[in-house]
Amino acid sequence: MATNIPAMQALDEGTVLRALRTTLEDPVAVLDGIGAMMQAESHKAFREQRFGNVKWKTRGETGMNPNWPGILADFKRGASSPKPHRFRDAPVLQDTGTLKKSIAYRVIGRDSVEIGSALPYAGPLHAGEDTESPTITESIQRKLWNWIKRTTGAATRAAKKAGKENTPQARSRATDKLNRAEGALKLKWLLNKKLRGTKITITHPARPFVGIHRTFIEDVQEVFGVVIGEAN
C-alpha cells in the first residue's frame, strides 16, 4: 500500500522536539542545531543498519534475497541484468541513496523541529507497511527469462571449464556463477503468465530511521542543556 507523505512532513505526522525545561535566549539557533543532530542520526542509521537499539533486519532474515522487487524495477527501467547487490543480504535501504538524501528538517516556531522525508515510500519503509511491486509486464518477464537463461548457461560453461582446468581460480569463478544461477532460478515463479498486468504486495519490516531515542535524548541534553521529547 503506497503512502503519500507531504513535503517535509515527518513519517508519523511529525517528530517534534520541544524544550521542556530550559528557557533559551535564542531557541531557534538551538533548535536548528538539534535538527542537524537528528538528521545526522538518521544518516548514521543507514550506515550502521540500525536506529538506536533497533537493528534493521537483513533481506535474508525477511526472505527477500534475491530482492525480487528491486530486480523487477531494474528490468522495468530497461536493464538487461539486475544490479549485483540485489543478491546480497545487506545493506538494506541503500539502493540509490535517494532515501537517505531526502531526509531533512525544519524549525517550527520557537519550540519545535520537524524531520522526515517527502518520498512516498519513506513511511512504509520506516514503519514497516505494505507497498506494491512494479506492474509485471510481458516485457519484464521476457527480460527476466533471457537473463535467467544467460546466467544458468554461463554457470554450466564455467563448471565444465573448472572441471577441465582444475585450478583454484577456475573453481572460484565457477562457484560464483553457480551461486548466481541458483539465485536466478529462485525467480522463475515471476514468469507465471497469470502475474502479467498485476502488482504484488510487498510486506516490509519496520526499519526506523527518523525520530528520537534514549541515547539521542542524552546527547542533546549534554550538548545543549535541554530536555527534549517527541510530540504526540
Protein backbone atom coordinates (compact mmCIF):
# COMPACT_ATOMS: atom_id res chain seq x y z
CA MET A 1 0.00 0.00 0.00
CA ALA A 2 1.55 3.25 -1.11
CA THR A 3 1.59 6.14 1.33
CA ASN A 4 1.82 9.76 0.24
CA ILE A 5 3.91 11.89 2.57
CA PRO A 6 3.70 15.69 2.09
CA ALA A 7 7.00 17.50 1.74
CA MET A 8 8.85 17.95 4.99
CA GLN A 9 6.23 16.08 6.98
CA ALA A 10 7.74 13.51 9.31
CA LEU A 11 6.76 9.91 8.92
CA ASP A 12 4.46 9.77 11.93
CA GLU A 13 2.84 13.17 11.39
CA GLY A 14 5.95 14.88 12.68
CA THR A 15 8.82 14.10 15.01
CA VAL A 16 8.72 17.30 17.04
CA LEU A 17 11.22 18.36 19.65
CA ARG A 18 10.14 20.61 22.49
CA ALA A 19 12.34 22.33 25.01
CA LEU A 20 10.57 21.27 28.19
CA ARG A 21 12.79 22.67 30.88
CA THR A 22 15.14 25.48 29.90
CA THR A 23 14.22 28.96 28.69
CA LEU A 24 16.67 29.83 25.94
CA GLU A 25 17.82 33.21 24.76
CA ASP A 26 18.00 32.01 21.16
CA PRO A 27 15.84 28.89 20.90
CA VAL A 28 15.77 28.92 17.09
CA ALA A 29 19.54 28.50 16.84
CA VAL A 30 19.45 25.68 19.37
CA LEU A 31 16.56 24.00 17.58
CA ASP A 32 18.46 24.25 14.31
CA GLY A 33 21.39 22.51 15.98
CA ILE A 34 19.11 19.79 17.33
CA GLY A 35 17.61 19.33 13.88
CA ALA A 36 21.08 18.91 12.39
CA MET A 37 21.85 16.31 15.06
CA MET A 38 18.64 14.45 14.22
CA GLN A 39 19.49 14.46 10.53
CA ALA A 40 22.96 13.12 11.28
CA GLU A 41 21.43 10.41 13.48
CA SER A 42 19.17 9.38 10.60
CA HIS A 43 22.11 9.24 8.21
CA LYS A 44 24.02 7.10 10.70
CA ALA A 45 21.13 4.62 10.72
CA PHE A 46 21.74 3.83 7.05
CA ARG A 47 25.46 3.40 7.66
CA GLU A 48 25.09 1.20 10.75
CA GLN A 49 21.84 -0.53 9.65
CA ARG A 50 20.16 0.28 12.97
CA PHE A 51 18.41 3.18 14.70
CA GLY A 52 19.13 3.47 18.39
CA ASN A 53 18.82 -0.07 19.74
CA VAL A 54 16.62 -1.26 16.85
CA LYS A 55 18.68 -3.34 14.44
CA TRP A 56 17.37 -3.46 10.88
CA LYS A 57 16.54 -6.91 9.56
CA THR A 58 18.57 -8.13 6.59
CA ARG A 59 16.98 -9.36 3.38
CA GLY A 60 17.94 -12.89 4.35
CA GLU A 61 16.07 -12.55 7.62
CA THR A 62 12.92 -11.43 5.80
CA GLY A 63 13.10 -13.91 2.92
CA MET A 64 13.82 -11.18 0.37
CA ASN A 65 17.11 -12.43 -1.02
CA PRO A 66 17.10 -12.24 -4.00
CA ASN A 67 15.50 -8.81 -3.84
CA TRP A 68 12.87 -9.59 -6.46
CA PRO A 69 11.01 -6.23 -6.27
CA GLY A 70 14.30 -4.47 -7.00
CA ILE A 71 15.01 -6.88 -9.85
CA LEU A 72 11.61 -6.14 -11.37
CA ALA A 73 12.38 -2.43 -11.07
CA ASP A 74 15.72 -2.97 -12.84
CA PHE A 75 14.03 -4.65 -15.78
CA LYS A 76 11.28 -2.04 -15.84
CA ARG A 77 13.97 0.64 -16.24
CA GLY A 78 15.29 -1.23 -19.28
CA ALA A 79 18.26 -3.07 -17.77
CA SER A 80 19.21 -6.41 -19.30
CA SER A 81 20.55 -7.72 -15.96
CA PRO A 82 19.75 -6.98 -12.31
CA LYS A 83 22.15 -4.95 -10.18
CA PRO A 84 24.61 -7.21 -8.33
CA HIS A 85 23.53 -6.05 -4.87
CA ARG A 86 20.05 -7.49 -5.45
CA PHE A 87 21.57 -10.79 -4.29
CA ARG A 88 23.12 -9.55 -1.05
CA ASP A 89 21.59 -9.78 2.41
CA ALA A 90 22.80 -6.32 3.40
CA PRO A 91 22.96 -3.38 3.45
CA VAL A 92 19.28 -2.57 3.06
CA LEU A 93 17.55 0.71 2.08
CA GLN A 94 20.63 1.78 0.14
CA ASP A 95 19.76 1.14 -3.49
CA THR A 96 20.45 4.63 -4.89
CA GLY A 97 20.95 6.67 -1.71
CA THR A 98 17.88 8.77 -2.55
CA LEU A 99 16.02 7.90 0.64
CA LYS A 100 18.92 8.87 2.88
CA LYS A 101 19.48 12.12 0.98
CA SER A 102 15.78 13.01 1.20
CA ILE A 103 15.74 13.26 5.00
CA ALA A 104 15.54 16.90 6.02
CA TYR A 105 14.41 19.01 8.96
CA ARG A 106 12.97 22.44 9.62
CA VAL A 107 12.46 24.57 12.69
CA ILE A 108 8.83 25.39 13.51
CA GLY A 109 8.27 28.43 15.67
CA ARG A 110 10.41 28.72 18.78
CA ASP A 111 9.91 25.31 20.35
CA SER A 112 9.76 22.63 17.66
CA VAL A 113 11.77 20.82 15.00
CA GLU A 114 10.22 18.61 12.34
CA ILE A 115 12.15 15.95 10.44
CA GLY A 116 11.15 13.49 7.75
CA SER A 117 11.13 12.65 4.07
CA ALA A 118 8.93 13.75 1.19
CA LEU A 119 9.33 10.43 -0.65
CA PRO A 120 6.07 8.46 -0.90
CA TYR A 121 7.73 5.17 0.05
CA ALA A 122 9.60 6.54 3.08
CA GLY A 123 6.75 5.99 5.53
CA PRO A 124 6.17 2.29 4.75
CA LEU A 125 9.90 1.53 4.87
CA HIS A 126 10.28 3.38 8.18
CA ALA A 127 7.22 1.96 9.93
CA GLY A 128 7.03 -1.46 8.28
CA GLU A 129 3.99 -1.33 6.00
CA ASP A 130 2.95 -2.85 2.69
CA THR A 131 3.89 -1.46 -0.72
CA GLU A 132 3.39 -2.82 -4.23
CA SER A 133 5.85 -4.09 -6.78
CA PRO A 134 6.10 -2.63 -10.27
CA THR A 135 3.43 -3.95 -12.59
CA ILE A 136 4.62 -7.22 -14.08
CA THR A 137 4.53 -6.91 -17.86
CA GLU A 138 5.31 -9.29 -20.70
CA SER A 139 8.39 -7.20 -21.46
CA ILE A 140 9.69 -7.58 -17.90
CA GLN A 141 9.07 -11.32 -17.92
CA ARG A 142 10.85 -11.68 -21.25
CA LYS A 143 13.92 -9.79 -19.97
CA LEU A 144 13.88 -11.87 -16.80
CA TRP A 145 13.69 -15.13 -18.73
CA ASN A 146 16.50 -14.12 -21.09
CA TRP A 147 18.68 -13.19 -18.12
CA ILE A 148 17.93 -16.49 -16.33
CA LYS A 149 18.94 -18.40 -19.46
CA ARG A 150 22.17 -16.44 -19.82
CA THR A 151 23.01 -16.84 -16.14
CA THR A 152 22.41 -20.57 -15.98
CA GLY A 153 24.23 -21.09 -19.28
CA ALA A 154 27.25 -19.18 -18.01
CA ALA A 155 27.26 -21.31 -14.85
CA THR A 156 27.20 -24.53 -16.84
CA ARG A 157 30.08 -23.40 -19.04
CA ALA A 158 32.10 -22.24 -16.04
CA ALA A 159 31.59 -25.58 -14.28
CA LYS A 160 32.78 -27.50 -17.34
CA LYS A 161 35.82 -25.25 -17.68
CA ALA A 162 36.66 -25.67 -13.99
CA GLY A 163 36.49 -29.44 -14.43
CA LYS A 164 38.96 -29.30 -17.30
CA GLU A 165 41.40 -26.76 -15.83
CA ASN A 166 41.10 -27.92 -12.22
CA THR A 167 42.65 -24.72 -10.84
CA PRO A 168 41.60 -22.73 -7.73
CA GLN A 169 40.84 -19.71 -9.90
CA ALA A 170 38.58 -21.66 -12.27
CA ARG A 171 36.78 -23.35 -9.40
CA SER A 172 36.24 -19.98 -7.69
CA ARG A 173 34.78 -18.46 -10.87
CA ALA A 174 32.54 -21.46 -11.34
CA THR A 175 31.30 -21.25 -7.75
CA ASP A 176 30.42 -17.57 -8.17
CA LYS A 177 28.49 -18.25 -11.38
CA LEU A 178 26.72 -21.26 -9.88
CA ASN A 179 25.63 -19.17 -6.89
CA ARG A 180 24.30 -16.51 -9.23
CA ALA A 181 22.46 -19.13 -11.27
CA GLU A 182 20.93 -20.53 -8.09
CA GLY A 183 19.62 -17.07 -7.24
CA ALA A 184 18.30 -16.60 -10.76
CA LEU A 185 16.36 -19.85 -10.67
CA LYS A 186 14.62 -18.72 -7.48
CA LEU A 187 12.91 -16.06 -9.60
CA LYS A 188 11.23 -18.40 -12.09
CA TRP A 189 7.92 -18.01 -10.23
CA LEU A 190 7.77 -14.44 -11.56
CA LEU A 191 7.45 -15.85 -15.10
CA ASN A 192 3.92 -17.12 -14.45
CA LYS A 193 1.68 -15.65 -17.18
CA LYS A 194 -1.10 -15.20 -14.62
CA LEU A 195 1.00 -12.49 -12.99
CA ARG A 196 1.02 -10.27 -16.08
CA GLY A 197 -0.66 -6.95 -15.51
CA THR A 198 -0.60 -7.35 -11.73
CA LYS A 199 1.32 -5.85 -8.83
CA ILE A 200 2.48 -7.99 -5.93
CA THR A 201 2.13 -6.83 -2.34
CA ILE A 202 5.45 -6.43 -0.54
CA THR A 203 5.48 -6.61 3.25
CA HIS A 204 8.31 -4.63 4.79
CA PRO A 205 9.69 -4.99 8.32
CA ALA A 206 9.99 -1.81 10.35
CA ARG A 207 13.37 -0.19 9.77
CA PRO A 208 13.13 3.13 11.62
CA PHE A 209 15.40 5.97 10.54
CA VAL A 210 13.82 9.14 11.96
CA GLY A 211 12.76 10.06 15.47
CA ILE A 212 14.45 10.18 18.84
CA HIS A 213 15.72 7.50 21.19
CA ARG A 214 17.17 7.42 24.69
CA THR A 215 20.82 7.85 23.73
CA PHE A 216 19.99 10.74 21.42
CA ILE A 217 18.00 12.48 24.16
CA GLU A 218 21.02 12.17 26.44
CA ASP A 219 23.34 13.53 23.74
CA VAL A 220 21.13 16.57 23.16
CA GLN A 221 20.92 17.26 26.89
CA GLU A 222 24.70 17.08 27.16
CA VAL A 223 25.31 19.39 24.17
CA PHE A 224 22.52 21.93 24.60
CA GLY A 225 21.40 21.52 28.21
CA VAL A 226 17.75 20.96 27.28
CA VAL A 227 15.40 18.03 27.72
CA ILE A 228 13.53 17.02 24.58
CA GLY A 229 10.53 14.85 23.90
CA GLU A 230 8.51 13.58 20.94
CA ALA A 231 5.14 15.21 20.28
CA ASN A 232 2.05 13.06 20.40
